[in-house]
Amino acid sequence: MTTVPMVTAGAWEVLDGANLPDGFRVEITEGKIIMTPRGESRSDVLIEAAPQIKEQLAGQGKVLSDVMIDFPSGLWGYAPDLAIVAPGAERDKRGRFEWHSLEAVLEIISLSTRDDDFEKKLRMYAECAIPLYVIIDPSEDVCTVHSGPTRTGTYTEQEKIPFGEDLVLPLEGREIVVKTDGFPRAEGEG
């Protein structure tokens, strides 16, 4: 993982036009650009989960993967592994969705992203009132669903769903069921 301090107030502006290396995920946390190599288990989970979500949304919302989302602070710029955008959400003047358009965020963690996903992202997503934050952990074979966001940066409810059981995502007026039996276990990957 590489960390580079940002010199501008806007999270993504410093990266506009930058030639970024392939195979890395880029996000901005606390004003620092963070580049993390992508792991195979992350890719496998995305390949399993995204089509299931897209099919069940059936045009009532949108699923995104690794797409920049505008957050209320220029010090934060996340591109969630998977994000479910609410039906009827509109893009901002830069052509991006904003935090308040998200119904759910799913992050697949690795050893190198564990602290950010369990602490910094959890706090930011809760403060932004994103209804569901799901942490998918291949090293533990479990999905942790956080719901009931508070403005103080916590979620009031947490449920652990072991791989092999259905991951149920209760969205506004509907629910998505993701089969997790095909999720890989990442032994030693980070």
N, C-alpha and C. Protein backbone atom coordinates (compact mmCIF):
# COMPACT_ATOMS: atom_id res chain seq x y z
N MET A 1 0.84 -1.17 0.00
CA MET A 1 0.00 0.00 0.00
C MET A 1 0.89 1.23 0.00
N THR A 2 0.59 2.21 -0.87
CA THR A 2 1.34 3.45 -0.98
C THR A 2 0.47 4.60 -0.55
N THR A 3 1.00 5.53 0.25
CA THR A 3 0.26 6.69 0.71
C THR A 3 0.98 7.95 0.25
N VAL A 4 0.24 8.87 -0.39
CA VAL A 4 0.80 10.12 -0.87
C VAL A 4 -0.05 11.26 -0.33
N PRO A 5 0.53 12.25 0.39
CA PRO A 5 -0.28 13.36 0.88
C PRO A 5 -0.85 14.18 -0.28
N MET A 6 -2.08 14.65 -0.12
CA MET A 6 -2.72 15.48 -1.13
C MET A 6 -2.36 16.94 -0.91
N VAL A 7 -2.33 17.71 -1.97
CA VAL A 7 -2.02 19.12 -1.87
C VAL A 7 -3.21 20.01 -2.16
N THR A 8 -4.35 19.45 -2.56
CA THR A 8 -5.53 20.27 -2.84
C THR A 8 -6.65 19.85 -1.91
N ALA A 9 -7.67 20.69 -1.83
CA ALA A 9 -8.80 20.40 -0.94
C ALA A 9 -9.75 19.37 -1.54
N GLY A 10 -9.84 19.25 -2.86
CA GLY A 10 -10.77 18.32 -3.48
C GLY A 10 -10.20 16.92 -3.54
N ALA A 11 -11.02 15.96 -3.13
CA ALA A 11 -10.56 14.58 -3.04
C ALA A 11 -10.09 14.03 -4.38
N TRP A 12 -10.85 14.21 -5.42
CA TRP A 12 -10.51 13.55 -6.68
C TRP A 12 -9.80 14.48 -7.67
N GLU A 13 -9.83 15.79 -7.45
CA GLU A 13 -9.26 16.72 -8.41
C GLU A 13 -7.78 16.47 -8.67
N VAL A 14 -7.04 16.11 -7.63
CA VAL A 14 -5.61 15.87 -7.79
C VAL A 14 -5.34 14.68 -8.70
N LEU A 15 -6.29 13.78 -8.82
CA LEU A 15 -6.10 12.58 -9.65
C LEU A 15 -6.60 12.75 -11.08
N ASP A 16 -7.35 13.84 -11.35
CA ASP A 16 -7.85 14.05 -12.71
C ASP A 16 -6.69 14.08 -13.70
N GLY A 17 -6.72 13.23 -14.68
CA GLY A 17 -5.70 13.16 -15.71
C GLY A 17 -4.44 12.42 -15.31
N ALA A 18 -4.39 11.91 -14.08
CA ALA A 18 -3.20 11.17 -13.64
C ALA A 18 -3.15 9.80 -14.31
N ASN A 19 -1.95 9.36 -14.64
CA ASN A 19 -1.75 8.04 -15.21
C ASN A 19 -1.49 7.06 -14.06
N LEU A 20 -2.53 6.36 -13.63
CA LEU A 20 -2.44 5.47 -12.48
C LEU A 20 -2.08 4.06 -12.93
N PRO A 21 -1.30 3.34 -12.14
CA PRO A 21 -0.91 1.98 -12.53
C PRO A 21 -2.09 1.01 -12.50
N ASP A 22 -2.10 0.10 -13.46
CA ASP A 22 -3.13 -0.94 -13.48
C ASP A 22 -2.94 -1.88 -12.29
N GLY A 23 -4.05 -2.47 -11.85
CA GLY A 23 -3.96 -3.45 -10.78
C GLY A 23 -3.99 -2.86 -9.39
N PHE A 24 -4.19 -1.54 -9.30
CA PHE A 24 -4.26 -0.89 -7.99
C PHE A 24 -5.61 -0.21 -7.82
N ARG A 25 -6.07 -0.20 -6.61
CA ARG A 25 -7.28 0.50 -6.23
C ARG A 25 -6.83 1.83 -5.62
N VAL A 26 -7.48 2.93 -5.97
CA VAL A 26 -7.10 4.24 -5.49
C VAL A 26 -8.28 4.84 -4.71
N GLU A 27 -8.00 5.29 -3.48
CA GLU A 27 -8.98 5.97 -2.66
C GLU A 27 -8.29 7.08 -1.90
N ILE A 28 -9.08 7.95 -1.30
CA ILE A 28 -8.54 9.07 -0.54
C ILE A 28 -9.13 9.00 0.87
N THR A 29 -8.25 8.92 1.86
CA THR A 29 -8.66 8.85 3.26
C THR A 29 -7.90 9.91 4.04
N GLU A 30 -8.64 10.74 4.73
CA GLU A 30 -8.06 11.82 5.52
C GLU A 30 -7.08 12.66 4.71
N GLY A 31 -7.42 12.92 3.45
CA GLY A 31 -6.60 13.76 2.60
C GLY A 31 -5.39 13.10 1.99
N LYS A 32 -5.25 11.79 2.16
CA LYS A 32 -4.11 11.07 1.60
C LYS A 32 -4.58 10.13 0.50
N ILE A 33 -3.84 10.13 -0.60
CA ILE A 33 -4.14 9.19 -1.69
C ILE A 33 -3.56 7.85 -1.30
N ILE A 34 -4.40 6.82 -1.33
CA ILE A 34 -3.97 5.47 -0.95
C ILE A 34 -4.16 4.54 -2.13
N MET A 35 -3.07 3.89 -2.54
CA MET A 35 -3.11 2.93 -3.63
C MET A 35 -2.85 1.56 -3.04
N THR A 36 -3.79 0.64 -3.28
CA THR A 36 -3.69 -0.71 -2.73
C THR A 36 -3.77 -1.71 -3.88
N PRO A 37 -2.88 -2.69 -3.92
CA PRO A 37 -2.99 -3.71 -4.97
C PRO A 37 -4.27 -4.52 -4.80
N ARG A 38 -4.87 -4.86 -5.92
CA ARG A 38 -6.10 -5.65 -5.89
C ARG A 38 -5.75 -7.12 -5.72
N GLY A 39 -6.55 -7.80 -4.89
CA GLY A 39 -6.32 -9.22 -4.64
C GLY A 39 -7.27 -10.10 -5.43
N GLU A 40 -6.89 -11.35 -5.59
CA GLU A 40 -7.69 -12.30 -6.35
C GLU A 40 -9.02 -12.59 -5.66
N SER A 41 -9.02 -12.72 -4.33
CA SER A 41 -10.28 -13.02 -3.65
C SER A 41 -11.27 -11.87 -3.80
N ARG A 42 -10.78 -10.64 -3.80
CA ARG A 42 -11.65 -9.48 -4.02
C ARG A 42 -12.33 -9.59 -5.38
N SER A 43 -11.53 -9.90 -6.38
CA SER A 43 -12.06 -10.06 -7.73
C SER A 43 -13.10 -11.18 -7.79
N ASP A 44 -12.81 -12.30 -7.13
CA ASP A 44 -13.74 -13.42 -7.14
C ASP A 44 -15.08 -13.06 -6.48
N VAL A 45 -15.03 -12.32 -5.37
CA VAL A 45 -16.28 -11.91 -4.70
C VAL A 45 -17.07 -10.97 -5.60
N LEU A 46 -16.39 -10.02 -6.23
CA LEU A 46 -17.08 -9.09 -7.13
C LEU A 46 -17.76 -9.82 -8.28
N ILE A 47 -17.06 -10.79 -8.85
CA ILE A 47 -17.62 -11.57 -9.97
C ILE A 47 -18.84 -12.35 -9.52
N GLU A 48 -18.84 -12.83 -8.29
CA GLU A 48 -20.00 -13.58 -7.75
C GLU A 48 -21.16 -12.66 -7.38
N ALA A 49 -20.88 -11.56 -6.69
CA ALA A 49 -21.94 -10.74 -6.09
C ALA A 49 -22.58 -9.75 -7.06
N ALA A 50 -21.80 -9.06 -7.85
CA ALA A 50 -22.34 -7.98 -8.69
C ALA A 50 -23.47 -8.43 -9.63
N PRO A 51 -23.31 -9.55 -10.35
CA PRO A 51 -24.41 -9.96 -11.24
C PRO A 51 -25.70 -10.31 -10.47
N GLN A 52 -25.55 -10.89 -9.28
CA GLN A 52 -26.74 -11.22 -8.48
C GLN A 52 -27.48 -9.94 -8.09
N ILE A 53 -26.73 -8.94 -7.66
CA ILE A 53 -27.34 -7.67 -7.25
C ILE A 53 -27.99 -6.99 -8.44
N LYS A 54 -27.27 -6.91 -9.54
CA LYS A 54 -27.79 -6.23 -10.75
C LYS A 54 -29.08 -6.88 -11.22
N GLU A 55 -29.11 -8.20 -11.27
CA GLU A 55 -30.31 -8.91 -11.73
C GLU A 55 -31.51 -8.60 -10.83
N GLN A 56 -31.30 -8.59 -9.53
CA GLN A 56 -32.41 -8.36 -8.60
C GLN A 56 -32.85 -6.90 -8.55
N LEU A 57 -31.95 -5.98 -8.86
CA LEU A 57 -32.35 -4.57 -8.91
C LEU A 57 -33.33 -4.34 -10.06
N ALA A 58 -33.16 -5.06 -11.14
CA ALA A 58 -34.07 -5.01 -12.29
C ALA A 58 -34.44 -3.58 -12.66
N GLY A 59 -33.42 -2.72 -12.76
CA GLY A 59 -33.66 -1.35 -13.17
C GLY A 59 -34.11 -0.43 -12.04
N GLN A 60 -34.32 -0.97 -10.84
CA GLN A 60 -34.72 -0.16 -9.69
C GLN A 60 -33.49 0.18 -8.86
N GLY A 61 -32.62 0.98 -9.45
CA GLY A 61 -31.36 1.32 -8.81
C GLY A 61 -30.23 0.85 -9.70
N LYS A 62 -29.03 0.99 -9.21
CA LYS A 62 -27.85 0.68 -10.01
C LYS A 62 -26.77 0.12 -9.09
N VAL A 63 -25.99 -0.82 -9.60
CA VAL A 63 -24.84 -1.32 -8.84
C VAL A 63 -23.57 -0.82 -9.54
N LEU A 64 -22.65 -0.28 -8.74
CA LEU A 64 -21.38 0.23 -9.24
C LEU A 64 -20.24 -0.53 -8.58
N SER A 65 -19.12 -0.62 -9.28
CA SER A 65 -17.93 -1.24 -8.70
C SER A 65 -16.73 -0.35 -9.00
N ASP A 66 -16.02 0.05 -7.93
CA ASP A 66 -14.81 0.87 -8.05
C ASP A 66 -15.08 2.18 -8.78
N VAL A 67 -16.22 2.80 -8.52
CA VAL A 67 -16.58 4.08 -9.14
C VAL A 67 -16.50 5.17 -8.08
N MET A 68 -15.86 6.29 -8.41
CA MET A 68 -15.72 7.40 -7.48
C MET A 68 -17.08 7.91 -7.03
N ILE A 69 -17.21 8.10 -5.73
CA ILE A 69 -18.41 8.69 -5.13
C ILE A 69 -17.98 9.98 -4.46
N ASP A 70 -18.73 11.05 -4.64
CA ASP A 70 -18.41 12.31 -3.97
C ASP A 70 -18.98 12.31 -2.56
N PHE A 71 -18.10 12.56 -1.60
CA PHE A 71 -18.47 12.64 -0.19
C PHE A 71 -18.44 14.10 0.24
N PRO A 72 -19.05 14.43 1.38
CA PRO A 72 -19.19 15.84 1.76
C PRO A 72 -17.88 16.54 2.11
N SER A 73 -16.81 15.83 2.32
CA SER A 73 -15.52 16.44 2.66
C SER A 73 -14.52 16.16 1.55
N GLY A 74 -13.71 17.17 1.23
CA GLY A 74 -12.67 17.00 0.24
C GLY A 74 -11.54 16.11 0.70
N LEU A 75 -11.55 15.70 1.97
CA LEU A 75 -10.50 14.83 2.50
C LEU A 75 -10.82 13.36 2.31
N TRP A 76 -11.99 13.06 1.78
CA TRP A 76 -12.41 11.67 1.63
C TRP A 76 -12.86 11.44 0.19
N GLY A 77 -12.41 10.37 -0.41
CA GLY A 77 -12.82 10.00 -1.76
C GLY A 77 -12.77 8.50 -1.89
N TYR A 78 -13.92 7.89 -1.77
CA TYR A 78 -13.96 6.43 -1.84
C TYR A 78 -14.59 5.97 -3.14
N ALA A 79 -14.12 4.85 -3.61
CA ALA A 79 -14.68 4.15 -4.76
C ALA A 79 -14.99 2.76 -4.24
N PRO A 80 -16.18 2.57 -3.64
CA PRO A 80 -16.49 1.29 -2.99
C PRO A 80 -16.36 0.10 -3.93
N ASP A 81 -16.00 -1.06 -3.34
CA ASP A 81 -15.94 -2.28 -4.13
C ASP A 81 -17.27 -2.47 -4.85
N LEU A 82 -18.36 -2.37 -4.11
CA LEU A 82 -19.71 -2.39 -4.69
C LEU A 82 -20.54 -1.34 -3.98
N ALA A 83 -21.31 -0.59 -4.75
CA ALA A 83 -22.23 0.39 -4.18
C ALA A 83 -23.57 0.23 -4.87
N ILE A 84 -24.63 0.26 -4.08
CA ILE A 84 -25.98 0.21 -4.65
C ILE A 84 -26.55 1.62 -4.59
N VAL A 85 -26.85 2.16 -5.76
CA VAL A 85 -27.38 3.51 -5.90
C VAL A 85 -28.90 3.43 -5.93
N ALA A 86 -29.54 4.31 -5.18
CA ALA A 86 -31.01 4.33 -5.07
C ALA A 86 -31.66 4.64 -6.42
N PRO A 87 -32.86 4.09 -6.64
CA PRO A 87 -33.60 4.43 -7.86
C PRO A 87 -33.84 5.93 -7.93
N GLY A 88 -33.69 6.49 -9.11
CA GLY A 88 -33.96 7.91 -9.32
C GLY A 88 -32.85 8.84 -8.87
N ALA A 89 -31.76 8.31 -8.36
CA ALA A 89 -30.64 9.16 -7.92
C ALA A 89 -30.06 9.88 -9.13
N GLU A 90 -29.68 11.13 -8.91
CA GLU A 90 -29.11 11.92 -10.00
C GLU A 90 -27.64 12.18 -9.74
N ARG A 91 -26.91 12.37 -10.81
CA ARG A 91 -25.48 12.66 -10.73
C ARG A 91 -25.29 14.15 -10.44
N ASP A 92 -24.16 14.48 -9.81
CA ASP A 92 -23.86 15.88 -9.55
C ASP A 92 -23.29 16.54 -10.81
N LYS A 93 -22.88 17.79 -10.69
CA LYS A 93 -22.40 18.53 -11.87
C LYS A 93 -21.13 17.95 -12.46
N ARG A 94 -20.40 17.12 -11.70
CA ARG A 94 -19.20 16.45 -12.24
C ARG A 94 -19.54 15.10 -12.86
N GLY A 95 -20.82 14.74 -12.83
CA GLY A 95 -21.23 13.46 -13.42
C GLY A 95 -21.09 12.28 -12.49
N ARG A 96 -20.91 12.55 -11.18
CA ARG A 96 -20.74 11.47 -10.21
C ARG A 96 -21.96 11.40 -9.28
N PHE A 97 -22.14 10.23 -8.69
CA PHE A 97 -23.14 10.09 -7.65
C PHE A 97 -22.53 10.60 -6.34
N GLU A 98 -23.38 11.10 -5.46
CA GLU A 98 -22.93 11.57 -4.16
C GLU A 98 -23.36 10.57 -3.09
N TRP A 99 -22.76 10.72 -1.91
CA TRP A 99 -22.98 9.80 -0.79
C TRP A 99 -24.45 9.58 -0.47
N HIS A 100 -25.27 10.60 -0.57
CA HIS A 100 -26.68 10.47 -0.19
C HIS A 100 -27.49 9.67 -1.22
N SER A 101 -26.88 9.31 -2.34
CA SER A 101 -27.54 8.48 -3.35
C SER A 101 -27.39 6.99 -3.07
N LEU A 102 -26.54 6.63 -2.10
CA LEU A 102 -26.22 5.22 -1.86
C LEU A 102 -27.17 4.58 -0.86
N GLU A 103 -27.65 3.39 -1.23
CA GLU A 103 -28.47 2.58 -0.31
C GLU A 103 -27.62 1.58 0.46
N ALA A 104 -26.52 1.15 -0.16
CA ALA A 104 -25.65 0.16 0.48
C ALA A 104 -24.26 0.25 -0.12
N VAL A 105 -23.27 -0.07 0.71
CA VAL A 105 -21.88 -0.18 0.27
C VAL A 105 -21.37 -1.53 0.75
N LEU A 106 -20.70 -2.26 -0.15
CA LEU A 106 -20.08 -3.53 0.20
C LEU A 106 -18.59 -3.41 -0.07
N GLU A 107 -17.78 -3.69 0.94
CA GLU A 107 -16.33 -3.64 0.81
C GLU A 107 -15.77 -5.03 1.10
N ILE A 108 -14.85 -5.50 0.25
CA ILE A 108 -14.18 -6.77 0.45
C ILE A 108 -12.82 -6.46 1.05
N ILE A 109 -12.59 -6.92 2.27
CA ILE A 109 -11.36 -6.53 2.94
C ILE A 109 -10.24 -7.54 2.73
N SER A 110 -9.04 -7.03 2.90
CA SER A 110 -7.83 -7.85 2.89
C SER A 110 -7.00 -7.40 4.08
N LEU A 111 -5.89 -8.04 4.29
CA LEU A 111 -5.03 -7.66 5.41
C LEU A 111 -4.60 -6.20 5.30
N SER A 112 -4.35 -5.72 4.08
CA SER A 112 -3.85 -4.35 3.91
C SER A 112 -4.94 -3.30 4.04
N THR A 113 -6.23 -3.67 3.90
CA THR A 113 -7.31 -2.68 4.00
C THR A 113 -8.15 -2.84 5.25
N ARG A 114 -7.83 -3.81 6.08
CA ARG A 114 -8.65 -4.15 7.26
C ARG A 114 -8.93 -2.93 8.15
N ASP A 115 -7.91 -2.16 8.52
CA ASP A 115 -8.11 -1.02 9.42
C ASP A 115 -9.01 0.04 8.80
N ASP A 116 -8.77 0.37 7.54
CA ASP A 116 -9.61 1.38 6.88
C ASP A 116 -11.06 0.92 6.80
N ASP A 117 -11.29 -0.34 6.42
CA ASP A 117 -12.66 -0.82 6.25
C ASP A 117 -13.41 -0.92 7.56
N PHE A 118 -12.74 -1.37 8.62
CA PHE A 118 -13.41 -1.55 9.91
C PHE A 118 -13.48 -0.27 10.73
N GLU A 119 -12.66 0.71 10.45
CA GLU A 119 -12.67 1.93 11.26
C GLU A 119 -13.02 3.17 10.45
N LYS A 120 -12.14 3.57 9.55
CA LYS A 120 -12.32 4.85 8.85
C LYS A 120 -13.54 4.85 7.93
N LYS A 121 -13.67 3.81 7.12
CA LYS A 121 -14.81 3.77 6.21
C LYS A 121 -16.11 3.58 6.98
N LEU A 122 -16.09 2.74 7.99
CA LEU A 122 -17.30 2.53 8.80
C LEU A 122 -17.76 3.87 9.37
N ARG A 123 -16.83 4.63 9.92
CA ARG A 123 -17.17 5.93 10.51
C ARG A 123 -17.72 6.88 9.45
N MET A 124 -17.05 6.98 8.31
CA MET A 124 -17.49 7.90 7.25
C MET A 124 -18.85 7.50 6.70
N TYR A 125 -19.04 6.22 6.41
CA TYR A 125 -20.32 5.77 5.85
C TYR A 125 -21.46 6.00 6.84
N ALA A 126 -21.22 5.77 8.12
CA ALA A 126 -22.26 6.01 9.13
C ALA A 126 -22.57 7.50 9.23
N GLU A 127 -21.54 8.34 9.30
CA GLU A 127 -21.75 9.79 9.38
C GLU A 127 -22.54 10.31 8.18
N CYS A 128 -22.34 9.68 7.03
CA CYS A 128 -23.04 10.08 5.80
C CYS A 128 -24.42 9.43 5.68
N ALA A 129 -24.84 8.69 6.70
CA ALA A 129 -26.16 8.05 6.76
C ALA A 129 -26.39 7.04 5.65
N ILE A 130 -25.35 6.33 5.23
CA ILE A 130 -25.53 5.24 4.26
C ILE A 130 -26.17 4.09 5.03
N PRO A 131 -27.40 3.68 4.62
CA PRO A 131 -28.18 2.73 5.42
C PRO A 131 -27.52 1.39 5.72
N LEU A 132 -26.79 0.83 4.75
CA LEU A 132 -26.15 -0.48 4.94
C LEU A 132 -24.68 -0.41 4.55
N TYR A 133 -23.84 -0.94 5.43
CA TYR A 133 -22.44 -1.08 5.12
C TYR A 133 -22.08 -2.53 5.40
N VAL A 134 -21.66 -3.25 4.36
CA VAL A 134 -21.34 -4.67 4.47
C VAL A 134 -19.84 -4.86 4.27
N ILE A 135 -19.22 -5.49 5.25
CA ILE A 135 -17.80 -5.83 5.15
C ILE A 135 -17.72 -7.32 4.86
N ILE A 136 -17.13 -7.66 3.72
CA ILE A 136 -16.98 -9.06 3.32
C ILE A 136 -15.53 -9.44 3.59
N ASP A 137 -15.35 -10.45 4.45
CA ASP A 137 -14.02 -10.83 4.91
C ASP A 137 -13.71 -12.28 4.51
N PRO A 138 -13.03 -12.47 3.36
CA PRO A 138 -12.68 -13.83 2.93
C PRO A 138 -11.75 -14.56 3.89
N SER A 139 -10.95 -13.85 4.66
CA SER A 139 -10.05 -14.54 5.57
C SER A 139 -10.78 -15.14 6.76
N GLU A 140 -11.99 -14.67 7.03
CA GLU A 140 -12.81 -15.18 8.13
C GLU A 140 -14.07 -15.90 7.64
N ASP A 141 -14.28 -15.93 6.32
CA ASP A 141 -15.49 -16.52 5.73
C ASP A 141 -16.77 -15.91 6.28
N VAL A 142 -16.82 -14.59 6.39
CA VAL A 142 -17.99 -13.95 6.99
C VAL A 142 -18.26 -12.58 6.36
N CYS A 143 -19.54 -12.24 6.30
CA CYS A 143 -19.99 -10.91 5.91
C CYS A 143 -20.56 -10.26 7.17
N THR A 144 -20.18 -9.02 7.43
CA THR A 144 -20.72 -8.29 8.57
C THR A 144 -21.57 -7.15 8.03
N VAL A 145 -22.86 -7.20 8.35
CA VAL A 145 -23.82 -6.20 7.87
C VAL A 145 -24.03 -5.18 8.99
N HIS A 146 -23.71 -3.93 8.68
CA HIS A 146 -23.92 -2.83 9.62
C HIS A 146 -25.13 -2.03 9.14
N SER A 147 -26.06 -1.75 10.05
CA SER A 147 -27.24 -0.95 9.71
C SER A 147 -27.55 -0.01 10.87
N GLY A 148 -28.44 0.93 10.62
CA GLY A 148 -28.78 1.92 11.64
C GLY A 148 -27.67 2.93 11.83
N PRO A 149 -27.29 3.67 10.76
CA PRO A 149 -26.19 4.63 10.89
C PRO A 149 -26.54 5.79 11.83
N THR A 150 -25.51 6.31 12.51
CA THR A 150 -25.69 7.49 13.36
C THR A 150 -24.74 8.58 12.88
N ARG A 151 -25.08 9.81 13.16
CA ARG A 151 -24.23 10.94 12.77
C ARG A 151 -22.92 10.99 13.56
N THR A 152 -22.83 10.18 14.61
CA THR A 152 -21.60 10.13 15.40
C THR A 152 -20.60 9.12 14.85
N GLY A 153 -20.92 8.50 13.70
CA GLY A 153 -19.97 7.62 13.04
C GLY A 153 -20.01 6.18 13.48
N THR A 154 -21.17 5.73 13.94
CA THR A 154 -21.33 4.32 14.30
C THR A 154 -22.60 3.79 13.65
N TYR A 155 -22.72 2.49 13.65
CA TYR A 155 -23.96 1.83 13.25
C TYR A 155 -24.52 1.16 14.49
N THR A 156 -25.85 1.22 14.66
CA THR A 156 -26.46 0.68 15.87
C THR A 156 -26.65 -0.83 15.82
N GLU A 157 -26.67 -1.40 14.62
CA GLU A 157 -26.87 -2.85 14.50
C GLU A 157 -25.76 -3.48 13.68
N GLN A 158 -25.45 -4.72 14.05
CA GLN A 158 -24.42 -5.49 13.35
C GLN A 158 -24.85 -6.95 13.32
N GLU A 159 -24.75 -7.56 12.14
CA GLU A 159 -25.10 -8.98 12.01
C GLU A 159 -24.02 -9.66 11.19
N LYS A 160 -23.57 -10.82 11.65
CA LYS A 160 -22.57 -11.60 10.93
C LYS A 160 -23.26 -12.72 10.16
N ILE A 161 -22.94 -12.81 8.87
CA ILE A 161 -23.50 -13.84 7.99
C ILE A 161 -22.33 -14.69 7.49
N PRO A 162 -22.24 -15.94 7.92
CA PRO A 162 -21.15 -16.81 7.44
C PRO A 162 -21.29 -17.10 5.94
N PHE A 163 -20.16 -17.24 5.26
CA PHE A 163 -20.18 -17.66 3.86
C PHE A 163 -20.96 -18.96 3.78
N GLY A 164 -21.77 -19.10 2.76
CA GLY A 164 -22.61 -20.28 2.59
C GLY A 164 -24.06 -19.96 2.92
N GLU A 165 -24.30 -18.94 3.73
CA GLU A 165 -25.66 -18.48 4.03
C GLU A 165 -25.99 -17.29 3.14
N ASP A 166 -27.28 -17.03 2.95
CA ASP A 166 -27.69 -15.90 2.12
C ASP A 166 -27.43 -14.58 2.83
N LEU A 167 -26.86 -13.64 2.09
CA LEU A 167 -26.65 -12.28 2.57
C LEU A 167 -27.86 -11.46 2.12
N VAL A 168 -28.68 -11.04 3.06
CA VAL A 168 -29.91 -10.31 2.74
C VAL A 168 -29.65 -8.82 2.95
N LEU A 169 -29.90 -8.04 1.90
CA LEU A 169 -29.72 -6.59 1.94
C LEU A 169 -31.09 -5.92 1.89
N PRO A 170 -31.61 -5.47 3.03
CA PRO A 170 -32.91 -4.80 3.04
C PRO A 170 -32.76 -3.36 2.54
N LEU A 171 -33.25 -3.11 1.35
CA LEU A 171 -33.21 -1.78 0.76
C LEU A 171 -34.58 -1.12 0.91
N GLU A 172 -34.67 0.12 0.53
CA GLU A 172 -35.94 0.85 0.63
C GLU A 172 -37.01 0.18 -0.23
N GLY A 173 -38.00 -0.45 0.40
CA GLY A 173 -39.12 -1.06 -0.30
C GLY A 173 -38.84 -2.36 -1.02
N ARG A 174 -37.65 -2.94 -0.84
CA ARG A 174 -37.30 -4.20 -1.49
C ARG A 174 -36.08 -4.78 -0.80
N GLU A 175 -35.77 -6.03 -1.12
CA GLU A 175 -34.56 -6.61 -0.56
C GLU A 175 -33.82 -7.39 -1.64
N ILE A 176 -32.52 -7.42 -1.49
CA ILE A 176 -31.64 -8.15 -2.40
C ILE A 176 -31.05 -9.31 -1.60
N VAL A 177 -31.02 -10.49 -2.22
CA VAL A 177 -30.44 -11.67 -1.58
C VAL A 177 -29.22 -12.10 -2.41
N VAL A 178 -28.07 -12.11 -1.75
CA VAL A 178 -26.83 -12.50 -2.40
C VAL A 178 -26.41 -13.86 -1.86
N LYS A 179 -26.29 -14.83 -2.73
CA LYS A 179 -25.81 -16.16 -2.35
C LYS A 179 -24.29 -16.07 -2.14
N THR A 180 -23.82 -16.50 -0.98
CA THR A 180 -22.40 -16.38 -0.65
C THR A 180 -21.64 -17.69 -0.75
N ASP A 181 -22.32 -18.77 -1.12
CA ASP A 181 -21.64 -20.06 -1.15
C ASP A 181 -20.50 -20.10 -2.17
N GLY A 182 -20.50 -19.21 -3.15
CA GLY A 182 -19.42 -19.16 -4.14
C GLY A 182 -18.30 -18.20 -3.78
N PHE A 183 -18.40 -17.53 -2.63
CA PHE A 183 -17.35 -16.60 -2.21
C PHE A 183 -16.11 -17.39 -1.83
N PRO A 184 -14.93 -16.94 -2.27
CA PRO A 184 -13.69 -17.66 -1.97
C PRO A 184 -13.15 -17.35 -0.59
N ARG A 185 -12.36 -18.25 -0.10
CA ARG A 185 -11.64 -18.01 1.14
C ARG A 185 -10.21 -17.65 0.76
N ALA A 186 -9.73 -16.51 1.25
CA ALA A 186 -8.39 -16.04 0.91
C ALA A 186 -7.43 -16.41 2.02
N GLU A 187 -6.67 -17.44 1.82
CA GLU A 187 -5.71 -17.86 2.84
C GLU A 187 -4.36 -17.18 2.56
N GLY A 188 -3.97 -16.31 3.50
CA GLY A 188 -2.68 -15.66 3.38
C GLY A 188 -2.65 -14.51 2.41
N GLU A 189 -3.78 -14.14 1.79
CA GLU A 189 -3.76 -13.05 0.82
C GLU A 189 -3.89 -11.72 1.54
N GLY A 190 -3.23 -10.73 1.13
CA GLY A 190 -3.31 -9.41 1.73
C GLY A 190 -2.99 -8.43 0.77
